[in-house]
């Protein structure tokens, strides 16, 4: 067994009710296994993490997942293996942005 921390932001934090949780997983588990485990009993969380394309469950393209500060796309995607002490960050979709007027800077 391995223990990993899941750090949540925005909507994920609201849904899960905590900033950080510790999850115990079987050795050799990957990101997909973790996501499935934490969303199994939470429909709202499941709908944020997964989407269905042609009747196949896929990771939502709107969220970002980091393992130890690195995007899973730079690693092995949802098949990225997790090890003891890893920190997985769930980052929800973000809309809008910061508007800075150059004219107000002078």
N, C-alpha and C. Protein backbone atom coordinates (compact mmCIF):
# COMPACT_ATOMS: atom_id res chain seq x y z
N UNK A 1 0.84 -1.19 0.00
CA UNK A 1 0.00 0.00 0.00
C UNK A 1 0.88 1.25 0.00
N UNK A 2 0.37 2.31 -0.66
CA UNK A 2 1.05 3.60 -0.66
C UNK A 2 0.05 4.68 -0.27
N UNK A 3 0.57 5.73 0.38
CA UNK A 3 -0.27 6.86 0.74
C UNK A 3 0.13 8.04 -0.12
N UNK A 4 -0.88 8.68 -0.72
CA UNK A 4 -0.65 9.89 -1.51
C UNK A 4 -1.56 10.99 -0.97
N UNK A 5 -1.14 12.21 -1.18
CA UNK A 5 -1.96 13.35 -0.80
C UNK A 5 -2.64 13.91 -2.04
N UNK A 6 -3.89 14.29 -1.89
CA UNK A 6 -4.64 14.93 -2.97
C UNK A 6 -4.93 16.35 -2.52
N UNK A 7 -4.39 17.30 -3.26
CA UNK A 7 -4.56 18.72 -2.97
C UNK A 7 -5.64 19.25 -3.91
N UNK A 8 -6.64 19.94 -3.36
CA UNK A 8 -7.76 20.39 -4.18
C UNK A 8 -7.84 21.91 -4.24
N UNK A 9 -8.31 22.41 -5.37
CA UNK A 9 -8.50 23.85 -5.57
C UNK A 9 -9.92 24.11 -6.06
N UNK A 10 -10.40 25.32 -5.86
CA UNK A 10 -11.67 25.78 -6.43
C UNK A 10 -12.83 24.84 -6.18
N UNK A 11 -13.52 24.50 -7.26
CA UNK A 11 -14.71 23.65 -7.18
C UNK A 11 -14.41 22.29 -6.56
N UNK A 12 -13.23 21.75 -6.82
CA UNK A 12 -12.87 20.46 -6.22
C UNK A 12 -12.88 20.57 -4.70
N UNK A 13 -12.33 21.67 -4.19
CA UNK A 13 -12.29 21.87 -2.74
C UNK A 13 -13.71 22.00 -2.18
N UNK A 14 -14.56 22.73 -2.90
CA UNK A 14 -15.95 22.89 -2.45
C UNK A 14 -16.67 21.55 -2.41
N UNK A 15 -16.49 20.75 -3.44
CA UNK A 15 -17.18 19.46 -3.53
C UNK A 15 -16.66 18.49 -2.47
N UNK A 16 -15.35 18.43 -2.31
CA UNK A 16 -14.75 17.48 -1.37
C UNK A 16 -14.77 17.98 0.07
N UNK A 17 -14.92 19.29 0.24
CA UNK A 17 -15.01 19.84 1.58
C UNK A 17 -13.69 19.96 2.31
N UNK A 18 -12.59 19.69 1.62
CA UNK A 18 -11.28 19.76 2.26
C UNK A 18 -10.24 20.26 1.26
N UNK A 19 -9.22 20.91 1.81
CA UNK A 19 -8.12 21.40 0.98
C UNK A 19 -7.20 20.25 0.56
N UNK A 20 -7.06 19.30 1.46
CA UNK A 20 -6.13 18.19 1.21
C UNK A 20 -6.65 16.93 1.88
N UNK A 21 -6.53 15.81 1.17
CA UNK A 21 -6.89 14.52 1.76
C UNK A 21 -5.75 13.55 1.52
N UNK A 22 -5.66 12.56 2.38
CA UNK A 22 -4.67 11.51 2.20
C UNK A 22 -5.43 10.25 1.80
N UNK A 23 -4.92 9.59 0.77
CA UNK A 23 -5.59 8.40 0.24
C UNK A 23 -4.61 7.25 0.24
N UNK A 24 -5.06 6.10 0.72
CA UNK A 24 -4.23 4.90 0.71
C UNK A 24 -4.65 4.05 -0.48
N UNK A 25 -3.67 3.68 -1.29
CA UNK A 25 -3.93 2.92 -2.52
C UNK A 25 -3.05 1.68 -2.56
N UNK A 26 -3.47 0.67 -3.32
CA UNK A 26 -2.60 -0.50 -3.51
C UNK A 26 -1.32 -0.09 -4.23
N UNK A 27 -0.21 -0.72 -3.91
CA UNK A 27 1.05 -0.46 -4.60
C UNK A 27 0.85 -0.66 -6.10
N UNK A 28 1.47 0.21 -6.88
CA UNK A 28 1.36 0.11 -8.34
C UNK A 28 0.17 0.85 -8.91
N UNK A 29 -0.61 1.53 -8.05
CA UNK A 29 -1.78 2.27 -8.54
C UNK A 29 -1.34 3.46 -9.40
N UNK A 30 -2.22 3.83 -10.32
CA UNK A 30 -1.93 4.97 -11.18
C UNK A 30 -2.94 6.09 -10.92
N UNK A 31 -2.78 7.18 -11.64
CA UNK A 31 -3.65 8.34 -11.47
C UNK A 31 -5.11 7.97 -11.73
N UNK A 32 -5.36 7.17 -12.75
CA UNK A 32 -6.74 6.76 -13.05
C UNK A 32 -7.36 6.04 -11.86
N UNK A 33 -6.63 5.12 -11.26
CA UNK A 33 -7.14 4.37 -10.10
C UNK A 33 -7.48 5.33 -8.97
N UNK A 34 -6.61 6.31 -8.71
CA UNK A 34 -6.86 7.30 -7.67
C UNK A 34 -8.13 8.09 -7.95
N UNK A 35 -8.25 8.59 -9.18
CA UNK A 35 -9.42 9.39 -9.53
C UNK A 35 -10.71 8.60 -9.39
N UNK A 36 -10.65 7.35 -9.81
CA UNK A 36 -11.83 6.47 -9.69
C UNK A 36 -12.16 6.26 -8.21
N UNK A 37 -11.15 6.04 -7.39
CA UNK A 37 -11.35 5.78 -5.96
C UNK A 37 -11.97 6.97 -5.24
N UNK A 38 -11.49 8.19 -5.53
CA UNK A 38 -12.00 9.35 -4.80
C UNK A 38 -13.35 9.82 -5.32
N UNK A 39 -13.73 9.44 -6.52
CA UNK A 39 -15.00 9.90 -7.09
C UNK A 39 -16.09 8.84 -7.07
N UNK A 40 -15.75 7.64 -6.62
CA UNK A 40 -16.68 6.51 -6.62
C UNK A 40 -18.02 6.81 -5.96
N UNK A 41 -17.98 7.49 -4.84
CA UNK A 41 -19.20 7.73 -4.08
C UNK A 41 -19.64 9.19 -4.11
N UNK A 42 -19.11 9.96 -5.05
CA UNK A 42 -19.44 11.37 -5.15
C UNK A 42 -19.76 11.70 -6.61
N UNK A 43 -21.04 11.69 -6.95
CA UNK A 43 -21.46 11.91 -8.34
C UNK A 43 -21.00 13.25 -8.89
N UNK A 44 -21.05 14.29 -8.08
CA UNK A 44 -20.66 15.61 -8.54
C UNK A 44 -19.17 15.64 -8.90
N UNK A 45 -18.36 15.03 -8.07
CA UNK A 45 -16.93 14.95 -8.33
C UNK A 45 -16.66 14.10 -9.57
N UNK A 46 -17.37 12.99 -9.68
CA UNK A 46 -17.22 12.11 -10.85
C UNK A 46 -17.50 12.88 -12.14
N UNK A 47 -18.55 13.68 -12.15
CA UNK A 47 -18.93 14.44 -13.35
C UNK A 47 -17.91 15.51 -13.69
N UNK A 48 -17.18 16.02 -12.69
CA UNK A 48 -16.14 17.01 -12.97
C UNK A 48 -14.88 16.36 -13.53
N UNK A 49 -14.60 15.14 -13.08
CA UNK A 49 -13.35 14.47 -13.48
C UNK A 49 -13.48 13.74 -14.81
N UNK A 50 -14.62 13.10 -15.02
CA UNK A 50 -14.78 12.25 -16.21
C UNK A 50 -15.86 12.79 -17.14
N UNK A 51 -15.72 12.47 -18.40
CA UNK A 51 -16.75 12.75 -19.38
C UNK A 51 -16.86 11.53 -20.28
N UNK A 52 -17.96 11.43 -20.96
CA UNK A 52 -18.18 10.28 -21.84
C UNK A 52 -18.09 10.72 -23.29
N UNK A 53 -17.27 10.04 -24.04
CA UNK A 53 -17.13 10.28 -25.47
C UNK A 53 -17.40 8.95 -26.17
N UNK A 54 -18.43 8.98 -27.01
CA UNK A 54 -18.81 7.75 -27.72
C UNK A 54 -18.97 6.59 -26.74
N UNK A 55 -19.68 6.85 -25.64
CA UNK A 55 -20.01 5.86 -24.62
C UNK A 55 -18.79 5.31 -23.87
N UNK A 56 -17.66 5.99 -23.99
CA UNK A 56 -16.45 5.57 -23.29
C UNK A 56 -16.08 6.62 -22.26
N UNK A 57 -15.76 6.18 -21.04
CA UNK A 57 -15.38 7.10 -19.96
C UNK A 57 -13.97 7.61 -20.22
N UNK A 58 -13.84 8.95 -20.24
CA UNK A 58 -12.55 9.60 -20.48
C UNK A 58 -12.32 10.66 -19.41
N UNK A 59 -11.10 11.02 -19.21
CA UNK A 59 -10.76 12.11 -18.32
C UNK A 59 -11.25 13.40 -18.97
N UNK A 60 -11.89 14.26 -18.19
CA UNK A 60 -12.37 15.53 -18.72
C UNK A 60 -11.19 16.35 -19.24
N UNK A 61 -11.37 16.92 -20.40
CA UNK A 61 -10.30 17.73 -20.99
C UNK A 61 -10.22 19.11 -20.35
N UNK A 62 -11.19 19.44 -19.50
CA UNK A 62 -11.24 20.77 -18.89
C UNK A 62 -10.43 20.89 -17.60
N UNK A 63 -10.09 19.78 -16.97
CA UNK A 63 -9.37 19.85 -15.70
C UNK A 63 -7.88 19.60 -15.90
N UNK A 64 -7.11 20.04 -14.95
CA UNK A 64 -5.66 19.80 -14.97
C UNK A 64 -5.30 18.99 -13.74
N UNK A 65 -4.42 18.03 -13.96
CA UNK A 65 -3.97 17.18 -12.85
C UNK A 65 -2.45 17.22 -12.83
N UNK A 66 -1.92 17.49 -11.65
CA UNK A 66 -0.47 17.53 -11.47
C UNK A 66 -0.06 16.44 -10.49
N UNK A 67 1.08 15.84 -10.74
CA UNK A 67 1.68 14.91 -9.78
C UNK A 67 3.03 15.52 -9.40
N UNK A 68 3.15 15.86 -8.13
CA UNK A 68 4.37 16.50 -7.63
C UNK A 68 4.74 17.74 -8.45
N UNK A 69 3.70 18.52 -8.81
CA UNK A 69 3.92 19.78 -9.52
C UNK A 69 4.09 19.66 -11.02
N UNK A 70 4.04 18.46 -11.56
CA UNK A 70 4.20 18.26 -13.02
C UNK A 70 2.89 17.78 -13.61
N UNK A 71 2.49 18.38 -14.73
CA UNK A 71 1.27 17.96 -15.38
C UNK A 71 1.37 16.50 -15.80
N UNK A 72 0.27 15.78 -15.68
CA UNK A 72 0.32 14.35 -16.05
C UNK A 72 0.56 14.18 -17.54
N UNK A 73 0.31 15.24 -18.34
CA UNK A 73 0.55 15.15 -19.78
C UNK A 73 2.05 15.08 -20.08
N UNK A 74 2.88 15.58 -19.18
CA UNK A 74 4.34 15.50 -19.34
C UNK A 74 4.87 14.20 -18.77
N UNK A 75 4.00 13.45 -18.10
CA UNK A 75 4.40 12.17 -17.51
C UNK A 75 3.79 11.05 -18.36
N UNK A 76 3.03 10.18 -17.76
CA UNK A 76 2.41 9.09 -18.51
C UNK A 76 0.89 9.19 -18.51
N UNK A 77 0.39 10.44 -18.45
CA UNK A 77 -1.05 10.66 -18.47
C UNK A 77 -1.72 10.00 -17.27
N UNK A 78 -2.93 9.49 -17.47
CA UNK A 78 -3.66 8.88 -16.34
C UNK A 78 -3.06 7.54 -15.93
N UNK A 79 -2.10 7.06 -16.71
CA UNK A 79 -1.41 5.81 -16.36
C UNK A 79 -0.15 6.08 -15.53
N UNK A 80 0.06 7.33 -15.15
CA UNK A 80 1.22 7.70 -14.30
C UNK A 80 1.12 6.96 -12.98
N UNK A 81 2.13 6.16 -12.68
CA UNK A 81 2.17 5.39 -11.43
C UNK A 81 2.41 6.33 -10.25
N UNK A 82 1.75 6.04 -9.15
CA UNK A 82 1.89 6.82 -7.94
C UNK A 82 2.70 6.05 -6.91
N UNK A 83 3.52 6.79 -6.17
CA UNK A 83 4.33 6.16 -5.14
C UNK A 83 4.15 6.87 -3.81
N UNK A 84 4.62 6.27 -2.77
CA UNK A 84 4.49 6.80 -1.41
C UNK A 84 4.89 8.27 -1.35
N UNK A 85 4.00 9.09 -0.78
CA UNK A 85 4.31 10.50 -0.58
C UNK A 85 4.02 11.42 -1.74
N UNK A 86 3.58 10.88 -2.88
CA UNK A 86 3.26 11.74 -4.02
C UNK A 86 2.13 12.70 -3.65
N UNK A 87 2.16 13.88 -4.29
CA UNK A 87 1.11 14.87 -4.11
C UNK A 87 0.43 15.07 -5.46
N UNK A 88 -0.87 14.80 -5.49
CA UNK A 88 -1.66 14.96 -6.71
C UNK A 88 -2.54 16.19 -6.53
N UNK A 89 -2.43 17.14 -7.45
CA UNK A 89 -3.23 18.37 -7.40
C UNK A 89 -4.32 18.32 -8.44
N UNK A 90 -5.55 18.62 -8.02
CA UNK A 90 -6.69 18.67 -8.93
C UNK A 90 -7.04 20.13 -9.15
N UNK A 91 -6.92 20.58 -10.39
CA UNK A 91 -7.15 21.98 -10.73
C UNK A 91 -8.37 22.07 -11.64
N UNK A 92 -9.42 22.76 -11.19
CA UNK A 92 -10.64 22.84 -11.98
C UNK A 92 -10.49 23.76 -13.18
N UNK A 93 -11.46 23.72 -14.09
CA UNK A 93 -11.43 24.66 -15.21
C UNK A 93 -11.52 26.09 -14.68
N UNK A 94 -10.79 26.96 -15.31
CA UNK A 94 -10.78 28.36 -14.88
C UNK A 94 -11.24 29.20 -16.05
N UNK A 95 -12.17 30.10 -15.79
CA UNK A 95 -12.61 30.98 -16.86
C UNK A 95 -12.30 32.41 -16.48
N UNK A 96 -12.34 33.25 -17.46
CA UNK A 96 -12.04 34.66 -17.18
C UNK A 96 -10.55 34.87 -17.10
N UNK A 97 -10.15 35.86 -16.39
CA UNK A 97 -8.74 36.14 -16.26
C UNK A 97 -8.54 37.52 -15.69
N UNK A 98 -7.32 37.90 -15.60
CA UNK A 98 -6.98 39.19 -15.04
C UNK A 98 -6.86 40.18 -16.17
N UNK A 99 -7.58 41.27 -16.08
CA UNK A 99 -7.52 42.32 -17.09
C UNK A 99 -6.69 43.45 -16.54
N UNK A 100 -5.63 43.76 -17.23
CA UNK A 100 -4.77 44.86 -16.80
C UNK A 100 -4.73 45.89 -17.90
N UNK A 101 -5.10 47.09 -17.57
CA UNK A 101 -5.06 48.18 -18.55
C UNK A 101 -3.70 48.85 -18.49
N UNK A 102 -3.06 48.95 -19.64
CA UNK A 102 -1.76 49.61 -19.69
C UNK A 102 -1.88 51.10 -19.37
N UNK A 103 -3.05 51.67 -19.70
CA UNK A 103 -3.24 53.09 -19.47
C UNK A 103 -3.30 53.44 -17.99
N UNK A 104 -3.73 52.49 -17.15
CA UNK A 104 -3.81 52.76 -15.72
C UNK A 104 -2.47 52.58 -15.02
N UNK A 105 -1.46 52.12 -15.77
CA UNK A 105 -0.15 51.87 -15.18
C UNK A 105 0.69 53.12 -15.07
N UNK A 106 0.31 54.20 -15.74
CA UNK A 106 1.15 55.40 -15.80
C UNK A 106 0.74 56.42 -14.79
